[in-house]
Amino acid sequence: MMSRFILLILAIHMSCDTSALADDYLVRLDKIGYVEQSVEGAEPKEKVLQSIEVIARPDSPFRAKVVIGMKTEILAGKLRRGEKNDFTIDIQYHHIVDTGDLIPTEDGRGKPRLNITKMKTTLTISEGKPILMGGIDTGKQQDGQLKSKSRYVLVVTKYQPSE
């Protein structure tokens, strides 16, 4: 009985030491761009339109979900150490907007109509160096129409908690 107790204490101690030695990283995905009335001759200034971040540990899955009003963002994946100061990251991003409309169903209750943007990819990324994941540019629109541009930028940095 005493040997089991000592073994348990040792196991807990070793797991605490292992977690204290592991490095944590901040994985952040920013949607950068603009949505403005097009003005001839002037390019609108880009800004961060939305952002989601999560603390990740190499070789462990990560997931973050943010719900604000009728919008939901989900960032999930797995971070793996590469050579030098880089990482391989399997990443999934979902941006879901409930339009407020209902799609008729057989039971008559209806289910919400959702606008969903999804990205899923595997990238090699260096610590602290942003990388473009994707984007869209509507180009020049007809008179009075909105012109929009957005791009998704991923960055992985060493997590430094504020004390």
Protein backbone atom coordinates (compact mmCIF):
# COMPACT_ATOMS: atom_id res chain seq x y z
CA MET A 1 0.00 0.00 0.00
CA MET A 2 2.78 2.40 0.91
CA SER A 3 4.63 1.66 -2.36
CA ARG A 4 1.50 2.57 -4.38
CA PHE A 5 1.24 5.86 -2.51
CA ILE A 6 4.90 6.69 -3.19
CA LEU A 7 4.47 5.72 -6.85
CA LEU A 8 1.42 8.01 -7.09
CA ILE A 9 3.32 10.93 -5.56
CA LEU A 10 6.22 10.34 -7.94
CA ALA A 11 3.90 10.23 -10.97
CA ILE A 12 2.21 13.48 -9.98
CA HIS A 13 5.55 15.16 -9.35
CA MET A 14 6.95 14.07 -12.74
CA SER A 15 3.83 15.21 -14.63
CA CYS A 16 3.99 18.63 -12.95
CA ASP A 17 7.67 18.97 -13.85
CA THR A 18 6.97 17.99 -17.48
CA SER A 19 4.18 20.54 -17.86
CA ALA A 20 6.34 23.25 -16.30
CA LEU A 21 9.12 22.56 -18.83
CA ALA A 22 6.87 22.63 -21.92
CA ASP A 23 6.82 25.80 -24.00
CA ASP A 24 3.52 27.53 -24.64
CA TYR A 25 2.87 29.47 -27.84
CA LEU A 26 0.25 31.98 -28.84
CA VAL A 27 -1.45 31.12 -32.15
CA ARG A 28 -3.31 34.15 -33.55
CA LEU A 29 -5.34 34.53 -36.72
CA ASP A 30 -6.18 38.07 -37.82
CA LYS A 31 -8.60 39.07 -40.55
CA ILE A 32 -7.06 42.24 -41.96
CA GLY A 33 -8.72 44.44 -44.53
CA TYR A 34 -11.40 47.01 -45.17
CA VAL A 35 -15.04 47.34 -46.17
CA GLU A 36 -15.67 50.92 -47.27
CA GLN A 37 -17.30 52.98 -49.97
CA SER A 38 -14.92 53.09 -52.90
CA VAL A 39 -13.42 56.52 -53.37
CA GLU A 40 -11.67 57.14 -56.63
CA GLY A 41 -7.93 57.67 -56.28
CA ALA A 42 -7.76 56.75 -52.59
CA GLU A 43 -7.08 53.28 -51.25
CA PRO A 44 -8.81 52.66 -47.90
CA LYS A 45 -6.57 51.94 -44.92
CA GLU A 46 -6.40 48.34 -43.77
CA LYS A 47 -7.17 47.42 -40.16
CA VAL A 48 -7.74 44.27 -38.11
CA LEU A 49 -11.41 43.41 -38.69
CA GLN A 50 -11.49 40.39 -36.37
CA SER A 51 -9.01 38.28 -34.46
CA ILE A 52 -8.94 35.00 -32.57
CA GLU A 53 -6.08 33.55 -30.55
CA VAL A 54 -5.35 30.48 -28.48
CA ILE A 55 -2.47 29.23 -26.33
CA ALA A 56 -0.98 26.07 -27.82
CA ARG A 57 1.58 23.56 -26.68
CA PRO A 58 3.63 21.64 -29.29
CA ASP A 59 2.31 18.16 -30.11
CA SER A 60 -1.00 18.81 -28.36
CA PRO A 61 -4.30 19.75 -29.98
CA PHE A 62 -5.65 23.27 -29.41
CA ARG A 63 -9.11 24.80 -29.83
CA ALA A 64 -10.72 28.17 -29.21
CA LYS A 65 -14.32 29.23 -29.74
CA VAL A 66 -15.63 32.79 -29.52
CA VAL A 67 -19.33 33.67 -29.77
CA ILE A 68 -20.32 37.32 -30.10
CA GLY A 69 -23.96 37.95 -30.89
CA MET A 70 -24.85 35.91 -33.96
CA LYS A 71 -21.22 35.33 -34.99
CA THR A 72 -19.07 32.36 -33.99
CA GLU A 73 -15.35 31.88 -34.63
CA ILE A 74 -13.56 28.58 -34.09
CA LEU A 75 -9.79 28.06 -34.36
CA ALA A 76 -8.47 24.53 -33.89
CA GLY A 77 -5.47 22.45 -34.84
CA LYS A 78 -2.17 20.99 -33.77
CA LEU A 79 1.26 22.63 -33.53
CA ARG A 80 4.36 20.49 -34.18
CA ARG A 81 7.98 21.53 -33.84
CA GLY A 82 9.97 21.61 -37.04
CA GLU A 83 13.63 22.23 -37.66
CA LYS A 84 15.33 25.41 -36.49
CA ASN A 85 12.76 27.90 -35.14
CA ASP A 86 9.80 26.80 -37.24
CA PHE A 87 6.62 24.79 -36.74
CA THR A 88 4.27 22.71 -38.81
CA ILE A 89 0.70 23.62 -37.97
CA ASP A 90 -2.47 21.79 -38.96
CA ILE A 91 -5.12 24.47 -38.68
CA GLN A 92 -8.87 24.79 -39.11
CA TYR A 93 -10.79 28.05 -38.96
CA HIS A 94 -14.56 28.50 -39.07
CA HIS A 95 -16.41 31.81 -39.14
CA ILE A 96 -20.15 31.26 -38.77
CA VAL A 97 -22.82 33.95 -38.99
CA ASP A 98 -26.47 33.22 -38.18
CA THR A 99 -28.42 35.28 -40.74
CA GLY A 100 -31.59 35.23 -38.64
CA ASP A 101 -33.48 33.42 -41.42
CA LEU A 102 -34.92 29.94 -41.05
CA ILE A 103 -34.74 27.09 -43.56
CA PRO A 104 -38.03 25.15 -43.55
CA THR A 105 -37.82 21.57 -42.24
CA GLU A 106 -40.25 18.66 -42.38
CA ASP A 107 -41.29 19.12 -38.76
CA GLY A 108 -42.18 22.78 -39.44
CA ARG A 109 -39.75 24.19 -36.89
CA GLY A 110 -37.04 25.34 -39.30
CA LYS A 111 -33.31 25.45 -38.83
CA PRO A 112 -31.11 28.55 -38.89
CA ARG A 113 -29.57 29.69 -42.18
CA LEU A 114 -25.84 30.07 -41.58
CA ASN A 115 -23.19 31.82 -43.64
CA ILE A 116 -20.04 29.76 -43.07
CA THR A 117 -16.46 30.53 -44.04
CA LYS A 118 -14.05 27.62 -43.54
CA MET A 119 -10.33 27.18 -44.01
CA LYS A 120 -8.31 24.03 -43.38
CA THR A 121 -4.64 23.70 -44.22
CA THR A 122 -1.20 22.59 -43.08
CA LEU A 123 1.53 25.22 -43.05
CA THR A 124 5.15 25.61 -42.05
CA ILE A 125 5.50 28.80 -40.04
CA SER A 126 8.45 30.47 -38.31
CA GLU A 127 8.04 31.82 -34.81
CA GLY A 128 7.12 35.51 -34.85
CA LYS A 129 6.77 35.75 -38.65
CA PRO A 130 3.22 36.30 -39.95
CA ILE A 131 2.10 34.13 -42.87
CA LEU A 132 -0.80 34.70 -45.28
CA MET A 133 -3.45 31.95 -45.06
CA GLY A 134 -5.85 33.33 -47.67
CA GLY A 135 -8.02 36.27 -48.61
CA ILE A 136 -10.42 37.93 -51.02
CA ASP A 137 -10.58 41.20 -52.94
CA THR A 138 -13.84 42.28 -54.59
CA GLY A 139 -11.92 44.64 -56.85
CA LYS A 140 -13.40 47.86 -58.18
CA GLN A 141 -17.18 47.96 -57.98
CA GLN A 142 -19.77 49.94 -59.90
CA ASP A 143 -20.84 53.39 -58.63
CA GLY A 144 -22.15 53.39 -55.07
CA GLN A 145 -21.17 49.79 -54.38
CA LEU A 146 -18.94 48.65 -51.54
CA LYS A 147 -15.38 47.64 -52.25
CA SER A 148 -13.91 45.16 -49.82
CA LYS A 149 -10.66 43.37 -49.27
CA SER A 150 -9.67 40.94 -46.55
CA ARG A 151 -6.84 38.55 -45.86
CA TYR A 152 -6.24 36.06 -43.08
CA VAL A 153 -2.81 36.29 -41.46
CA LEU A 154 -1.53 33.65 -39.03
CA VAL A 155 1.27 34.23 -36.52
CA VAL A 156 2.80 32.01 -33.83
CA THR A 157 4.74 33.65 -30.99
CA LYS A 158 6.16 32.51 -27.68
CA TYR A 159 3.48 32.92 -25.01
CA GLN A 160 4.56 35.32 -22.29
CA PRO A 161 1.91 35.65 -19.58
CA SER A 162 1.61 39.04 -17.93
CA GLU A 163 2.20 38.93 -14.22
